[in-house]
Amino acid sequence: MGSIERLVKDFITELSEKKPYLFWDIKDPLSLSVKALVEIVLNRGDFDDFLKLADTIGLHRVAEIFYKQVSKERKIIALEQMHYRLVIVVP
């Protein structure tokens, strides 16, 4: 397992222990892809979760996943919940 994968797994483990409600519908949070993790944190997490995620995988990667999702016709990330995060994510 590469270092980024280990960091992501550690982040998921820590977050799921502190805030299990973020993963209420996920049987095995450690099996989440980075894309799915970004969607969960942006939709369900708070600002501190976002900052920790950006620190873990990089702000550029979070922004890349975010922009791919919001450019689709069916948006998974709820834009109305993103008003305070958009300022940070915009490159």
N, C-alpha and C. Protein backbone atom coordinates (compact mmCIF):
# COMPACT_ATOMS: atom_id res chain seq x y z
N MET A 1 0.85 -1.18 0.00
CA MET A 1 0.00 0.00 0.00
C MET A 1 0.89 1.24 0.00
N GLY A 2 0.62 2.17 -0.91
CA GLY A 2 1.41 3.39 -1.01
C GLY A 2 1.14 4.33 0.16
N SER A 3 1.97 5.34 0.26
CA SER A 3 1.85 6.26 1.39
C SER A 3 0.54 7.06 1.37
N ILE A 4 0.08 7.46 0.18
CA ILE A 4 -1.17 8.23 0.12
C ILE A 4 -2.35 7.34 0.51
N GLU A 5 -2.31 6.08 0.08
CA GLU A 5 -3.38 5.16 0.44
C GLU A 5 -3.40 4.94 1.95
N ARG A 6 -2.22 4.84 2.56
CA ARG A 6 -2.14 4.65 4.01
C ARG A 6 -2.70 5.89 4.74
N LEU A 7 -2.35 7.08 4.23
CA LEU A 7 -2.86 8.32 4.83
C LEU A 7 -4.39 8.39 4.73
N VAL A 8 -4.93 7.98 3.59
CA VAL A 8 -6.37 8.01 3.39
C VAL A 8 -7.04 7.01 4.34
N LYS A 9 -6.49 5.82 4.44
CA LYS A 9 -7.05 4.81 5.36
C LYS A 9 -6.99 5.30 6.81
N ASP A 10 -5.89 5.91 7.18
CA ASP A 10 -5.77 6.47 8.54
C ASP A 10 -6.79 7.57 8.77
N PHE A 11 -6.99 8.42 7.77
CA PHE A 11 -7.98 9.50 7.87
C PHE A 11 -9.38 8.92 8.04
N ILE A 12 -9.72 7.92 7.23
CA ILE A 12 -11.05 7.30 7.32
C ILE A 12 -11.23 6.65 8.69
N THR A 13 -10.22 5.94 9.16
CA THR A 13 -10.31 5.29 10.47
C THR A 13 -10.55 6.31 11.57
N GLU A 14 -9.76 7.37 11.57
CA GLU A 14 -9.91 8.42 12.58
C GLU A 14 -11.28 9.08 12.50
N LEU A 15 -11.69 9.42 11.30
CA LEU A 15 -12.98 10.10 11.12
C LEU A 15 -14.15 9.20 11.49
N SER A 16 -14.07 7.93 11.11
CA SER A 16 -15.18 7.01 11.42
C SER A 16 -15.27 6.70 12.91
N GLU A 17 -14.15 6.80 13.62
CA GLU A 17 -14.19 6.60 15.07
C GLU A 17 -14.75 7.83 15.78
N LYS A 18 -14.36 9.01 15.32
CA LYS A 18 -14.82 10.26 15.95
C LYS A 18 -16.24 10.64 15.53
N LYS A 19 -16.57 10.35 14.27
CA LYS A 19 -17.87 10.77 13.72
C LYS A 19 -18.49 9.64 12.91
N PRO A 20 -18.91 8.57 13.58
CA PRO A 20 -19.46 7.42 12.84
C PRO A 20 -20.72 7.77 12.04
N TYR A 21 -21.42 8.82 12.42
CA TYR A 21 -22.63 9.21 11.70
C TYR A 21 -22.34 9.66 10.27
N LEU A 22 -21.10 10.03 9.97
CA LEU A 22 -20.77 10.40 8.59
C LEU A 22 -20.83 9.19 7.66
N PHE A 23 -20.65 8.02 8.24
CA PHE A 23 -20.60 6.79 7.46
C PHE A 23 -21.77 5.86 7.81
N TRP A 24 -22.88 6.43 8.22
CA TRP A 24 -24.01 5.63 8.70
C TRP A 24 -24.50 4.62 7.67
N ASP A 25 -24.35 4.91 6.40
CA ASP A 25 -24.87 4.03 5.35
C ASP A 25 -23.77 3.25 4.63
N ILE A 26 -22.57 3.29 5.16
CA ILE A 26 -21.42 2.62 4.54
C ILE A 26 -21.05 1.41 5.39
N LYS A 27 -21.14 0.23 4.81
CA LYS A 27 -20.84 -0.99 5.56
C LYS A 27 -19.36 -1.05 5.96
N ASP A 28 -18.48 -0.74 5.00
CA ASP A 28 -17.05 -0.80 5.26
C ASP A 28 -16.39 0.51 4.79
N PRO A 29 -16.31 1.51 5.66
CA PRO A 29 -15.74 2.79 5.25
C PRO A 29 -14.32 2.69 4.68
N LEU A 30 -13.54 1.72 5.13
CA LEU A 30 -12.17 1.59 4.63
C LEU A 30 -12.12 1.17 3.16
N SER A 31 -13.24 0.71 2.63
CA SER A 31 -13.28 0.32 1.22
C SER A 31 -13.62 1.48 0.29
N LEU A 32 -13.87 2.66 0.86
CA LEU A 32 -14.24 3.82 0.06
C LEU A 32 -13.10 4.26 -0.85
N SER A 33 -13.47 4.71 -2.03
CA SER A 33 -12.49 5.33 -2.92
C SER A 33 -12.25 6.76 -2.44
N VAL A 34 -11.20 7.37 -2.93
CA VAL A 34 -10.92 8.76 -2.57
C VAL A 34 -12.06 9.65 -3.04
N LYS A 35 -12.59 9.38 -4.22
CA LYS A 35 -13.70 10.16 -4.75
C LYS A 35 -14.92 10.07 -3.83
N ALA A 36 -15.25 8.87 -3.39
CA ALA A 36 -16.39 8.69 -2.49
C ALA A 36 -16.13 9.38 -1.15
N LEU A 37 -14.91 9.32 -0.66
CA LEU A 37 -14.57 9.98 0.60
C LEU A 37 -14.75 11.49 0.48
N VAL A 38 -14.30 12.06 -0.63
CA VAL A 38 -14.46 13.51 -0.84
C VAL A 38 -15.94 13.87 -0.84
N GLU A 39 -16.76 13.09 -1.52
CA GLU A 39 -18.20 13.35 -1.57
C GLU A 39 -18.80 13.31 -0.17
N ILE A 40 -18.41 12.32 0.62
CA ILE A 40 -18.96 12.20 1.98
C ILE A 40 -18.54 13.38 2.84
N VAL A 41 -17.27 13.73 2.79
CA VAL A 41 -16.79 14.85 3.63
C VAL A 41 -17.44 16.16 3.20
N LEU A 42 -17.54 16.41 1.91
CA LEU A 42 -18.14 17.66 1.45
C LEU A 42 -19.64 17.72 1.72
N ASN A 43 -20.32 16.60 1.68
CA ASN A 43 -21.76 16.59 1.91
C ASN A 43 -22.14 16.48 3.37
N ARG A 44 -21.34 15.77 4.16
CA ARG A 44 -21.76 15.47 5.53
C ARG A 44 -20.83 16.03 6.60
N GLY A 45 -19.61 16.32 6.23
CA GLY A 45 -18.63 16.77 7.21
C GLY A 45 -18.72 18.25 7.52
N ASP A 46 -17.89 18.66 8.46
CA ASP A 46 -17.82 20.09 8.78
C ASP A 46 -16.51 20.66 8.22
N PHE A 47 -16.29 21.91 8.50
CA PHE A 47 -15.14 22.60 7.93
C PHE A 47 -13.81 21.97 8.38
N ASP A 48 -13.74 21.55 9.63
CA ASP A 48 -12.52 20.90 10.11
C ASP A 48 -12.26 19.59 9.37
N ASP A 49 -13.32 18.83 9.08
CA ASP A 49 -13.17 17.59 8.31
C ASP A 49 -12.62 17.91 6.92
N PHE A 50 -13.15 18.96 6.32
CA PHE A 50 -12.69 19.39 5.00
C PHE A 50 -11.19 19.75 5.03
N LEU A 51 -10.80 20.53 6.03
CA LEU A 51 -9.39 20.93 6.13
C LEU A 51 -8.48 19.73 6.32
N LYS A 52 -8.90 18.79 7.13
CA LYS A 52 -8.11 17.58 7.36
C LYS A 52 -8.02 16.75 6.08
N LEU A 53 -9.12 16.66 5.35
CA LEU A 53 -9.13 15.94 4.07
C LEU A 53 -8.17 16.60 3.09
N ALA A 54 -8.24 17.93 2.98
CA ALA A 54 -7.35 18.67 2.08
C ALA A 54 -5.89 18.48 2.47
N ASP A 55 -5.64 18.42 3.76
CA ASP A 55 -4.28 18.19 4.24
C ASP A 55 -3.81 16.77 3.92
N THR A 56 -4.74 15.83 3.92
CA THR A 56 -4.41 14.42 3.68
C THR A 56 -4.16 14.12 2.22
N ILE A 57 -5.07 14.56 1.34
CA ILE A 57 -4.92 14.20 -0.09
C ILE A 57 -4.50 15.38 -0.95
N GLY A 58 -4.49 16.56 -0.39
CA GLY A 58 -4.11 17.75 -1.14
C GLY A 58 -5.32 18.52 -1.62
N LEU A 59 -5.24 19.82 -1.47
CA LEU A 59 -6.35 20.68 -1.87
C LEU A 59 -6.62 20.57 -3.37
N HIS A 60 -5.57 20.42 -4.16
CA HIS A 60 -5.74 20.30 -5.61
C HIS A 60 -6.57 19.07 -5.95
N ARG A 61 -6.31 17.95 -5.28
CA ARG A 61 -7.06 16.70 -5.55
C ARG A 61 -8.53 16.85 -5.12
N VAL A 62 -8.76 17.48 -3.97
CA VAL A 62 -10.14 17.72 -3.53
C VAL A 62 -10.85 18.59 -4.56
N ALA A 63 -10.21 19.65 -5.01
CA ALA A 63 -10.81 20.54 -6.00
C ALA A 63 -11.09 19.81 -7.31
N GLU A 64 -10.15 18.99 -7.74
CA GLU A 64 -10.32 18.23 -8.98
C GLU A 64 -11.56 17.32 -8.90
N ILE A 65 -11.70 16.59 -7.81
CA ILE A 65 -12.86 15.71 -7.63
C ILE A 65 -14.13 16.54 -7.54
N PHE A 66 -14.09 17.62 -6.79
CA PHE A 66 -15.26 18.50 -6.64
C PHE A 66 -15.72 19.01 -8.00
N TYR A 67 -14.83 19.55 -8.81
CA TYR A 67 -15.21 20.12 -10.09
C TYR A 67 -15.72 19.08 -11.07
N LYS A 68 -15.16 17.87 -11.02
CA LYS A 68 -15.68 16.80 -11.87
C LYS A 68 -17.11 16.46 -11.47
N GLN A 69 -17.39 16.44 -10.18
CA GLN A 69 -18.73 16.10 -9.71
C GLN A 69 -19.75 17.19 -10.04
N VAL A 70 -19.40 18.44 -9.80
CA VAL A 70 -20.38 19.51 -10.04
C VAL A 70 -20.58 19.81 -11.51
N SER A 71 -19.67 19.33 -12.37
CA SER A 71 -19.86 19.56 -13.79
C SER A 71 -20.77 18.51 -14.42
N LYS A 72 -21.09 17.46 -13.70
CA LYS A 72 -21.99 16.43 -14.20
C LYS A 72 -23.43 16.90 -14.10
N GLU A 73 -24.28 16.32 -14.93
CA GLU A 73 -25.70 16.68 -14.87
C GLU A 73 -26.31 16.23 -13.54
N ARG A 74 -25.97 15.04 -13.11
CA ARG A 74 -26.46 14.53 -11.82
C ARG A 74 -25.39 14.82 -10.79
N LYS A 75 -25.62 15.79 -9.96
CA LYS A 75 -24.63 16.21 -8.98
C LYS A 75 -24.79 15.42 -7.69
N ILE A 76 -23.68 14.88 -7.22
CA ILE A 76 -23.69 14.13 -5.96
C ILE A 76 -23.40 15.08 -4.81
N ILE A 77 -22.57 16.07 -5.04
CA ILE A 77 -22.23 17.03 -4.00
C ILE A 77 -23.31 18.11 -3.98
N ALA A 78 -23.89 18.33 -2.83
CA ALA A 78 -24.97 19.29 -2.69
C ALA A 78 -24.41 20.71 -2.67
N LEU A 79 -24.57 21.42 -3.75
CA LEU A 79 -23.98 22.75 -3.88
C LEU A 79 -24.51 23.74 -2.85
N GLU A 80 -25.77 23.61 -2.48
CA GLU A 80 -26.30 24.55 -1.50
C GLU A 80 -25.63 24.42 -0.14
N GLN A 81 -24.98 23.30 0.11
CA GLN A 81 -24.26 23.11 1.36
C GLN A 81 -22.80 23.54 1.27
N MET A 82 -22.38 23.95 0.10
CA MET A 82 -20.98 24.21 -0.17
C MET A 82 -20.58 25.67 -0.09
N HIS A 83 -21.45 26.58 0.25
CA HIS A 83 -21.15 28.00 0.12
C HIS A 83 -19.88 28.43 0.83
N TYR A 84 -19.58 27.92 1.99
CA TYR A 84 -18.36 28.36 2.68
C TYR A 84 -17.13 27.60 2.21
N ARG A 85 -17.31 26.48 1.57
CA ARG A 85 -16.18 25.68 1.10
C ARG A 85 -15.73 26.08 -0.31
N LEU A 86 -16.63 26.60 -1.10
CA LEU A 86 -16.27 26.97 -2.47
C LEU A 86 -15.14 28.00 -2.51
N VAL A 87 -15.14 28.89 -1.58
CA VAL A 87 -14.11 29.92 -1.54
C VAL A 87 -12.73 29.29 -1.40
N ILE A 88 -12.65 28.23 -0.65
CA ILE A 88 -11.37 27.57 -0.41
C ILE A 88 -10.99 26.66 -1.56
N VAL A 89 -11.98 26.00 -2.17
CA VAL A 89 -11.69 25.01 -3.20
C VAL A 89 -11.34 25.64 -4.54
N VAL A 90 -11.85 26.81 -4.82
CA VAL A 90 -11.60 27.44 -6.11
C VAL A 90 -10.10 27.67 -6.29
N PRO A 91 -9.53 27.12 -7.39
CA PRO A 91 -8.08 27.27 -7.61
C PRO A 91 -7.71 28.69 -8.00
